[in-house]
Amino acid sequence: FFMALKKSVWFHVGSAAAGSLIIAIVKTIRYVIAKIQYYCEKNMVDPYKKVVMVILTAIQCCLWCLEKCMKFINKHAYIIIALKGSSF
């Protein structure tokens, strides 16, 4: 039992960290876009405000979809790592 635990920690923690890093990067980008969207909503004048808000909302939607896809891929990658012992 302890040998298997040692091998899993030694060889596969990096794979878990890589998957978490990908999700963290996407979430950080979403946060930055949300802050830009907030400041644009408060400070922009009317003719350009609607166009910018539509574009930023579309970007937010795409990033949300990307985040959900990456979470799905990471979940299945972790399962493959656990079953086969291969790297991320």
PDB file of N, CA and C in Angstrom:
ATOM      1  N   PHE A   1       0.814  -1.201   0.000  1.00  0.00           N
ATOM      2  CA  PHE A   1       0.000   0.000   0.000  1.00  0.00           C
ATOM      3  C   PHE A   1       0.855   1.261   0.000  1.00  0.00           C
ATOM      4  N   PHE A   2       1.880   1.294   0.863  1.00  0.00           N
ATOM      5  CA  PHE A   2       2.705   2.485   0.963  1.00  0.00           C
ATOM      6  C   PHE A   2       3.584   2.677  -0.269  1.00  0.00           C
ATOM      7  N   MET A   3       3.969   1.574  -0.913  1.00  0.00           N
ATOM      8  CA  MET A   3       4.755   1.672  -2.139  1.00  0.00           C
ATOM      9  C   MET A   3       3.912   2.287  -3.254  1.00  0.00           C
ATOM     10  N   ALA A   4       2.656   1.881  -3.347  1.00  0.00           N
ATOM     11  CA  ALA A   4       1.765   2.452  -4.364  1.00  0.00           C
ATOM     12  C   ALA A   4       1.496   3.923  -4.085  1.00  0.00           C
ATOM     13  N   LEU A   5       1.314   4.279  -2.830  1.00  0.00           N
ATOM     14  CA  LEU A   5       1.096   5.674  -2.467  1.00  0.00           C
ATOM     15  C   LEU A   5       2.321   6.514  -2.797  1.00  0.00           C
ATOM     16  N   LYS A   6       3.495   5.966  -2.512  1.00  0.00           N
ATOM     17  CA  LYS A   6       4.741   6.675  -2.816  1.00  0.00           C
ATOM     18  C   LYS A   6       4.876   6.896  -4.320  1.00  0.00           C
ATOM     19  N   LYS A   7       4.589   5.872  -5.119  1.00  0.00           N
ATOM     20  CA  LYS A   7       4.690   6.010  -6.571  1.00  0.00           C
ATOM     21  C   LYS A   7       3.671   7.010  -7.113  1.00  0.00           C
ATOM     22  N   SER A   8       2.458   6.974  -6.585  1.00  0.00           N
ATOM     23  CA  SER A   8       1.437   7.896  -7.089  1.00  0.00           C
ATOM     24  C   SER A   8       1.788   9.335  -6.744  1.00  0.00           C
ATOM     25  N   VAL A   9       2.283   9.567  -5.546  1.00  0.00           N
ATOM     26  CA  VAL A   9       2.679  10.929  -5.173  1.00  0.00           C
ATOM     27  C   VAL A   9       3.907  11.362  -5.966  1.00  0.00           C
ATOM     28  N   TRP A  10       4.865  10.472  -6.121  1.00  0.00           N
ATOM     29  CA  TRP A  10       6.114  10.822  -6.789  1.00  0.00           C
ATOM     30  C   TRP A  10       5.913  11.082  -8.282  1.00  0.00           C
ATOM     31  N   PHE A  11       5.106  10.287  -8.953  1.00  0.00           N
ATOM     32  CA  PHE A  11       5.010  10.374 -10.403  1.00  0.00           C
ATOM     33  C   PHE A  11       3.799  11.141 -10.922  1.00  0.00           C
ATOM     34  N   HIS A  12       2.726  11.272 -10.164  1.00  0.00           N
ATOM     35  CA  HIS A  12       1.491  11.814 -10.724  1.00  0.00           C
ATOM     36  C   HIS A  12       1.007  13.121 -10.112  1.00  0.00           C
ATOM     37  N   VAL A  13       1.707  13.643  -9.135  1.00  0.00           N
ATOM     38  CA  VAL A  13       1.321  14.931  -8.568  1.00  0.00           C
ATOM     39  C   VAL A  13       1.521  16.041  -9.596  1.00  0.00           C
ATOM     40  N   GLY A  14       2.527  15.921 -10.408  1.00  0.00           N
ATOM     41  CA  GLY A  14       2.762  16.912 -11.465  1.00  0.00           C
ATOM     42  C   GLY A  14       1.638  16.941 -12.483  1.00  0.00           C
ATOM     43  N   SER A  15       1.077  15.798 -12.776  1.00  0.00           N
ATOM     44  CA  SER A  15      -0.055  15.741 -13.700  1.00  0.00           C
ATOM     45  C   SER A  15      -1.277  16.437 -13.103  1.00  0.00           C
ATOM     46  N   ALA A  16      -1.506  16.227 -11.827  1.00  0.00           N
ATOM     47  CA  ALA A  16      -2.626  16.908 -11.163  1.00  0.00           C
ATOM     48  C   ALA A  16      -2.393  18.410 -11.131  1.00  0.00           C
ATOM     49  N   ALA A  17      -1.166  18.820 -10.891  1.00  0.00           N
ATOM     50  CA  ALA A  17      -0.845  20.245 -10.864  1.00  0.00           C
ATOM     51  C   ALA A  17      -1.009  20.874 -12.245  1.00  0.00           C
ATOM     52  N   ALA A  18      -0.652  20.156 -13.293  1.00  0.00           N
ATOM     53  CA  ALA A  18      -0.801  20.686 -14.648  1.00  0.00           C
ATOM     54  C   ALA A  18      -2.268  20.894 -14.997  1.00  0.00           C
ATOM     55  N   GLY A  19      -3.100  19.938 -14.636  1.00  0.00           N
ATOM     56  CA  GLY A  19      -4.532  20.081 -14.894  1.00  0.00           C
ATOM     57  C   GLY A  19      -5.136  21.243 -14.121  1.00  0.00           C
ATOM     58  N   SER A  20      -4.725  21.402 -12.888  1.00  0.00           N
ATOM     59  CA  SER A  20      -5.214  22.513 -12.073  1.00  0.00           C
ATOM     60  C   SER A  20      -4.715  23.852 -12.594  1.00  0.00           C
ATOM     61  N   LEU A  21      -3.503  23.881 -13.110  1.00  0.00           N
ATOM     62  CA  LEU A  21      -2.947  25.115 -13.672  1.00  0.00           C
ATOM     63  C   LEU A  21      -3.752  25.579 -14.884  1.00  0.00           C
ATOM     64  N   ILE A  22      -4.135  24.655 -15.730  1.00  0.00           N
ATOM     65  CA  ILE A  22      -4.921  25.007 -16.917  1.00  0.00           C
ATOM     66  C   ILE A  22      -6.244  25.647 -16.499  1.00  0.00           C
ATOM     67  N   ILE A  23      -6.922  25.054 -15.543  1.00  0.00           N
ATOM     68  CA  ILE A  23      -8.192  25.599 -15.065  1.00  0.00           C
ATOM     69  C   ILE A  23      -7.967  26.965 -14.419  1.00  0.00           C
ATOM     70  N   ALA A  24      -6.913  27.110 -13.647  1.00  0.00           N
ATOM     71  CA  ALA A  24      -6.633  28.384 -12.984  1.00  0.00           C
ATOM     72  C   ALA A  24      -6.354  29.497 -13.993  1.00  0.00           C
ATOM     73  N   ILE A  25      -5.670  29.183 -15.072  1.00  0.00           N
ATOM     74  CA  ILE A  25      -5.385  30.183 -16.090  1.00  0.00           C
ATOM     75  C   ILE A  25      -6.675  30.651 -16.757  1.00  0.00           C
ATOM     76  N   VAL A  26      -7.541  29.716 -17.099  1.00  0.00           N
ATOM     77  CA  VAL A  26      -8.815  30.078 -17.734  1.00  0.00           C
ATOM     78  C   VAL A  26      -9.673  30.906 -16.778  1.00  0.00           C
ATOM     79  N   LYS A  27      -9.717  30.543 -15.509  1.00  0.00           N
ATOM     80  CA  LYS A  27     -10.499  31.304 -14.534  1.00  0.00           C
ATOM     81  C   LYS A  27      -9.929  32.704 -14.336  1.00  0.00           C
ATOM     82  N   THR A  28      -8.622  32.842 -14.357  1.00  0.00           N
ATOM     83  CA  THR A  28      -8.002  34.155 -14.228  1.00  0.00           C
ATOM     84  C   THR A  28      -8.356  35.049 -15.412  1.00  0.00           C
ATOM     85  N   ILE A  29      -8.315  34.496 -16.600  1.00  0.00           N
ATOM     86  CA  ILE A  29      -8.691  35.265 -17.788  1.00  0.00           C
ATOM     87  C   ILE A  29     -10.163  35.671 -17.706  1.00  0.00           C
ATOM     88  N   ARG A  30     -11.018  34.767 -17.263  1.00  0.00           N
ATOM     89  CA  ARG A  30     -12.443  35.105 -17.088  1.00  0.00           C
ATOM     90  C   ARG A  30     -12.623  36.227 -16.073  1.00  0.00           C
ATOM     91  N   TYR A  31     -11.869  36.201 -15.001  1.00  0.00           N
ATOM     92  CA  TYR A  31     -11.953  37.244 -13.985  1.00  0.00           C
ATOM     93  C   TYR A  31     -11.532  38.602 -14.553  1.00  0.00           C
ATOM     94  N   VAL A  32     -10.445  38.615 -15.305  1.00  0.00           N
ATOM     95  CA  VAL A  32      -9.964  39.869 -15.903  1.00  0.00           C
ATOM     96  C   VAL A  32     -11.010  40.421 -16.875  1.00  0.00           C
ATOM     97  N   ILE A  33     -11.587  39.565 -17.698  1.00  0.00           N
ATOM     98  CA  ILE A  33     -12.618  40.002 -18.638  1.00  0.00           C
ATOM     99  C   ILE A  33     -13.842  40.518 -17.878  1.00  0.00           C
ATOM    100  N   ALA A  34     -14.201  39.882 -16.773  1.00  0.00           N
ATOM    101  CA  ALA A  34     -15.339  40.339 -15.969  1.00  0.00           C
ATOM    102  C   ALA A  34     -15.067  41.725 -15.380  1.00  0.00           C
ATOM    103  N   LYS A  35     -13.849  41.978 -14.932  1.00  0.00           N
ATOM    104  CA  LYS A  35     -13.493  43.296 -14.409  1.00  0.00           C
ATOM    105  C   LYS A  35     -13.530  44.345 -15.517  1.00  0.00           C
ATOM    106  N   ILE A  36     -13.020  44.010 -16.680  1.00  0.00           N
ATOM    107  CA  ILE A  36     -13.082  44.935 -17.821  1.00  0.00           C
ATOM    108  C   ILE A  36     -14.535  45.229 -18.167  1.00  0.00           C
ATOM    109  N   GLN A  37     -15.356  44.199 -18.154  1.00  0.00           N
ATOM    110  CA  GLN A  37     -16.777  44.353 -18.451  1.00  0.00           C
ATOM    111  C   GLN A  37     -17.440  45.271 -17.412  1.00  0.00           C
ATOM    112  N   TYR A  38     -17.103  45.119 -16.155  1.00  0.00           N
ATOM    113  CA  TYR A  38     -17.667  45.941 -15.101  1.00  0.00           C
ATOM    114  C   TYR A  38     -17.285  47.414 -15.289  1.00  0.00           C
ATOM    115  N   TYR A  39     -15.995  47.672 -15.542  1.00  0.00           N
ATOM    116  CA  TYR A  39     -15.550  49.053 -15.711  1.00  0.00           C
ATOM    117  C   TYR A  39     -16.113  49.680 -16.984  1.00  0.00           C
ATOM    118  N   CYS A  40     -16.249  48.901 -18.022  1.00  0.00           N
ATOM    119  CA  CYS A  40     -16.847  49.426 -19.247  1.00  0.00           C
ATOM    120  C   CYS A  40     -18.322  49.765 -19.037  1.00  0.00           C
ATOM    121  N   GLU A  41     -18.991  48.938 -18.265  1.00  0.00           N
ATOM    122  CA  GLU A  41     -20.406  49.187 -18.005  1.00  0.00           C
ATOM    123  C   GLU A  41     -20.594  50.473 -17.190  1.00  0.00           C
ATOM    124  N   LYS A  42     -19.695  50.749 -16.275  1.00  0.00           N
ATOM    125  CA  LYS A  42     -19.813  51.938 -15.431  1.00  0.00           C
ATOM    126  C   LYS A  42     -19.331  53.214 -16.110  1.00  0.00           C
ATOM    127  N   ASN A  43     -18.332  53.123 -16.978  1.00  0.00           N
ATOM    128  CA  ASN A  43     -17.651  54.322 -17.456  1.00  0.00           C
ATOM    129  C   ASN A  43     -17.860  54.668 -18.922  1.00  0.00           C
ATOM    130  N   MET A  44     -18.419  53.783 -19.710  1.00  0.00           N
ATOM    131  CA  MET A  44     -18.539  54.078 -21.139  1.00  0.00           C
ATOM    132  C   MET A  44     -19.800  54.867 -21.445  1.00  0.00           C
ATOM    133  N   VAL A  45     -19.728  55.626 -22.550  1.00  0.00           N
ATOM    134  CA  VAL A  45     -20.901  56.373 -23.008  1.00  0.00           C
ATOM    135  C   VAL A  45     -21.772  55.460 -23.862  1.00  0.00           C
ATOM    136  N   ASP A  46     -22.986  55.916 -24.119  1.00  0.00           N
ATOM    137  CA  ASP A  46     -24.019  55.054 -24.689  1.00  0.00           C
ATOM    138  C   ASP A  46     -23.765  54.496 -26.090  1.00  0.00           C
ATOM    139  N   PRO A  47     -23.237  55.217 -27.071  1.00  0.00           N
ATOM    140  CA  PRO A  47     -23.173  54.614 -28.418  1.00  0.00           C
ATOM    141  C   PRO A  47     -22.296  53.356 -28.497  1.00  0.00           C
ATOM    142  N   TYR A  48     -21.200  53.347 -27.768  1.00  0.00           N
ATOM    143  CA  TYR A  48     -20.279  52.214 -27.847  1.00  0.00           C
ATOM    144  C   TYR A  48     -20.512  51.190 -26.748  1.00  0.00           C
ATOM    145  N   LYS A  49     -21.228  51.572 -25.732  1.00  0.00           N
ATOM    146  CA  LYS A  49     -21.406  50.716 -24.568  1.00  0.00           C
ATOM    147  C   LYS A  49     -22.077  49.393 -24.918  1.00  0.00           C
ATOM    148  N   LYS A  50     -23.119  49.426 -25.718  1.00  0.00           N
ATOM    149  CA  LYS A  50     -23.848  48.198 -26.054  1.00  0.00           C
ATOM    150  C   LYS A  50     -23.000  47.246 -26.890  1.00  0.00           C
ATOM    151  N   VAL A  51     -22.256  47.797 -27.828  1.00  0.00           N
ATOM    152  CA  VAL A  51     -21.409  46.962 -28.690  1.00  0.00           C
ATOM    153  C   VAL A  51     -20.315  46.293 -27.853  1.00  0.00           C
ATOM    154  N   VAL A  52     -19.672  47.074 -26.996  1.00  0.00           N
ATOM    155  CA  VAL A  52     -18.599  46.536 -26.159  1.00  0.00           C
ATOM    156  C   VAL A  52     -19.153  45.487 -25.197  1.00  0.00           C
ATOM    157  N   MET A  53     -20.324  45.751 -24.632  1.00  0.00           N
ATOM    158  CA  MET A  53     -20.920  44.792 -23.692  1.00  0.00           C
ATOM    159  C   MET A  53     -21.291  43.481 -24.391  1.00  0.00           C
ATOM    160  N   VAL A  54     -21.772  43.553 -25.618  1.00  0.00           N
ATOM    161  CA  VAL A  54     -22.093  42.335 -26.365  1.00  0.00           C
ATOM    162  C   VAL A  54     -20.823  41.535 -26.643  1.00  0.00           C
ATOM    163  N   ILE A  55     -19.767  42.225 -27.046  1.00  0.00           N
ATOM    164  CA  ILE A  55     -18.498  41.541 -27.340  1.00  0.00           C
ATOM    165  C   ILE A  55     -17.924  40.896 -26.075  1.00  0.00           C
ATOM    166  N   LEU A  56     -17.916  41.649 -24.974  1.00  0.00           N
ATOM    167  CA  LEU A  56     -17.373  41.102 -23.728  1.00  0.00           C
ATOM    168  C   LEU A  56     -18.225  39.953 -23.195  1.00  0.00           C
ATOM    169  N   THR A  57     -19.529  40.045 -23.375  1.00  0.00           N
ATOM    170  CA  THR A  57     -20.399  38.952 -22.947  1.00  0.00           C
ATOM    171  C   THR A  57     -20.148  37.699 -23.790  1.00  0.00           C
ATOM    172  N   ALA A  58     -19.930  37.880 -25.089  1.00  0.00           N
ATOM    173  CA  ALA A  58     -19.617  36.738 -25.952  1.00  0.00           C
ATOM    174  C   ALA A  58     -18.282  36.102 -25.557  1.00  0.00           C
ATOM    175  N   ILE A  59     -17.305  36.934 -25.219  1.00  0.00           N
ATOM    176  CA  ILE A  59     -16.005  36.416 -24.768  1.00  0.00           C
ATOM    177  C   ILE A  59     -16.181  35.639 -23.460  1.00  0.00           C
ATOM    178  N   GLN A  60     -16.982  36.188 -22.543  1.00  0.00           N
ATOM    179  CA  GLN A  60     -17.249  35.493 -21.276  1.00  0.00           C
ATOM    180  C   GLN A  60     -17.901  34.138 -21.533  1.00  0.00           C
ATOM    181  N   CYS A  61     -18.839  34.103 -22.451  1.00  0.00           N
ATOM    182  CA  CYS A  61     -19.530  32.850 -22.771  1.00  0.00           C
ATOM    183  C   CYS A  61     -18.551  31.819 -23.346  1.00  0.00           C
ATOM    184  N   CYS A  62     -17.701  32.249 -24.246  1.00  0.00           N
ATOM    185  CA  CYS A  62     -16.712  31.338 -24.834  1.00  0.00           C
ATOM    186  C   CYS A  62     -15.742  30.821 -23.780  1.00  0.00           C
ATOM    187  N   LEU A  63     -15.307  31.694 -22.887  1.00  0.00           N
ATOM    188  CA  LEU A  63     -14.395  31.264 -21.831  1.00  0.00           C
ATOM    189  C   LEU A  63     -15.077  30.322 -20.846  1.00  0.00           C
ATOM    190  N   TRP A  64     -16.363  30.545 -20.584  1.00  0.00           N
ATOM    191  CA  TRP A  64     -17.104  29.637 -19.713  1.00  0.00           C
ATOM    192  C   TRP A  64     -17.168  28.247 -20.351  1.00  0.00           C
ATOM    193  N   CYS A  65     -17.461  28.213 -21.651  1.00  0.00           N
ATOM    194  CA  CYS A  65     -17.504  26.924 -22.362  1.00  0.00           C
ATOM    195  C   CYS A  65     -16.141  26.245 -22.351  1.00  0.00           C
ATOM    196  N   LEU A  66     -15.077  27.023 -22.571  1.00  0.00           N
ATOM    197  CA  LEU A  66     -13.722  26.480 -22.538  1.00  0.00           C
ATOM    198  C   LEU A  66     -13.398  25.912 -21.164  1.00  0.00           C
ATOM    199  N   GLU A  67     -13.781  26.628 -20.118  1.00  0.00           N
ATOM    200  CA  GLU A  67     -13.523  26.144 -18.760  1.00  0.00           C
ATOM    201  C   GLU A  67     -14.248  24.833 -18.487  1.00  0.00           C
ATOM    202  N   LYS A  68     -15.505  24.737 -18.893  1.00  0.00           N
ATOM    203  CA  LYS A  68     -16.263  23.504 -18.670  1.00  0.00           C
ATOM    204  C   LYS A  68     -15.665  22.341 -19.461  1.00  0.00           C
ATOM    205  N   CYS A  69     -15.245  22.594 -20.690  1.00  0.00           N
ATOM    206  CA  CYS A  69     -14.602  21.538 -21.493  1.00  0.00           C
ATOM    207  C   CYS A  69     -13.292  21.089 -20.868  1.00  0.00           C
ATOM    208  N   MET A  70     -12.505  22.053 -20.372  1.00  0.00           N
ATOM    209  CA  MET A  70     -11.230  21.698 -19.760  1.00  0.00           C
ATOM    210  C   MET A  70     -11.437  20.905 -18.467  1.00  0.00           C
ATOM    211  N   LYS A  71     -12.467  21.242 -17.698  1.00  0.00           N
ATOM    212  CA  LYS A  71     -12.766  20.462 -16.492  1.00  0.00           C
ATOM    213  C   LYS A  71     -13.154  19.034 -16.854  1.00  0.00           C
ATOM    214  N   PHE A  72     -13.942  18.878 -17.921  1.00  0.00           N
ATOM    215  CA  PHE A  72     -14.340  17.544 -18.375  1.00  0.00           C
ATOM    216  C   PHE A  72     -13.119  16.749 -18.826  1.00  0.00           C
ATOM    217  N   ILE A  73     -12.264  17.381 -19.621  1.00  0.00           N
ATOM    218  CA  ILE A  73     -11.057  16.703 -20.114  1.00  0.00           C
ATOM    219  C   ILE A  73     -10.139  16.348 -18.946  1.00  0.00           C
ATOM    220  N   ASN A  74      -9.960  17.267 -18.007  1.00  0.00           N
ATOM    221  CA  ASN A  74      -9.106  16.989 -16.847  1.00  0.00           C
ATOM    222  C   ASN A  74      -9.636  15.824 -16.029  1.00  0.00           C
ATOM    223  N   LYS A  75     -10.949  15.787 -15.835  1.00  0.00           N
ATOM    224  CA  LYS A  75     -11.536  14.697 -15.054  1.00  0.00           C
ATOM    225  C   LYS A  75     -11.220  13.350 -15.689  1.00  0.00           C
ATOM    226  N   HIS A  76     -11.377  13.261 -16.988  1.00  0.00           N
ATOM    227  CA  HIS A  76     -11.109  11.998 -17.670  1.00  0.00           C
ATOM    228  C   HIS A  76      -9.614  11.724 -17.797  1.00  0.00           C
ATOM    229  N   ALA A  77      -8.826  12.779 -17.873  1.00  0.00           N
ATOM    230  CA  ALA A  77      -7.374  12.572 -17.892  1.00  0.00           C
ATOM    231  C   ALA A  77      -6.898  12.009 -16.558  1.00  0.00           C
ATOM    232  N   TYR A  78      -7.469  12.499 -15.451  1.00  0.00           N
ATOM    233  CA  TYR A  78      -7.101  11.959 -14.142  1.00  0.00           C
ATOM    234  C   TYR A  78      -7.478  10.490 -14.030  1.00  0.00           C
ATOM    235  N   ILE A  79      -8.613  10.117 -14.597  1.00  0.00           N
ATOM    236  CA  ILE A  79      -9.031   8.714 -14.571  1.00  0.00           C
ATOM    237  C   ILE A  79      -8.057   7.860 -15.371  1.00  0.00           C
ATOM    238  N   ILE A  80      -7.646   8.343 -16.529  1.00  0.00           N
ATOM    239  CA  ILE A  80      -6.685   7.600 -17.360  1.00  0.00           C
ATOM    240  C   ILE A  80      -5.344   7.490 -16.643  1.00  0.00           C
ATOM    241  N   ILE A  81      -4.928   8.568 -15.986  1.00  0.00           N
ATOM    242  CA  ILE A  81      -3.667   8.527 -15.226  1.00  0.00           C
ATOM    243  C   ILE A  81      -3.755   7.472 -14.135  1.00  0.00           C
ATOM    244  N   ALA A  82      -4.896   7.414 -13.457  1.00  0.00           N
ATOM    245  CA  ALA A  82      -5.052   6.449 -12.359  1.00  0.00           C
ATOM    246  C   ALA A  82      -5.087   5.022 -12.878  1.00  0.00           C
ATOM    247  N   LEU A  83      -5.740   4.801 -14.011  1.00  0.00           N
ATOM    248  CA  LEU A  83      -5.873   3.430 -14.526  1.00  0.00           C
ATOM    249  C   LEU A  83      -4.629   2.927 -15.225  1.00  0.00           C
ATOM    250  N   LYS A  84      -4.051   3.768 -16.075  1.00  0.00           N
ATOM    251  CA  LYS A  84      -2.925   3.302 -16.905  1.00  0.00           C
ATOM    252  C   LYS A  84      -1.561   3.699 -16.369  1.00  0.00           C
ATOM    253  N   GLY A  85      -1.529   4.714 -15.525  1.00  0.00           N
ATOM    254  CA  GLY A  85      -0.243   5.158 -15.020  1.00  0.00           C
ATOM    255  C   GLY A  85       0.519   6.032 -15.981  1.00  0.00           C
ATOM    256  N   SER A  86      -0.147   6.528 -17.015  1.00  0.00           N
ATOM    257  CA  SER A  86       0.539   7.396 -17.963  1.00  0.00           C
ATOM    258  C   SER A  86       0.503   8.841 -17.473  1.00  0.00           C
ATOM    259  N   SER A  87       1.276   9.710 -18.126  1.00  0.00           N
ATOM    260  CA  SER A  87       1.345  11.099 -17.682  1.00  0.00           C
ATOM    261  C   SER A  87       0.246  11.918 -18.347  1.00  0.00           C
ATOM    262  N   PHE A  88       0.096  13.137 -17.898  1.00  0.00           N
ATOM    263  CA  PHE A  88      -0.945  14.039 -18.384  1.00  0.00           C
ATOM    264  C   PHE A  88      -0.650  14.380 -19.813  1.00  0.00           C
TER     265      PHE A  88
END
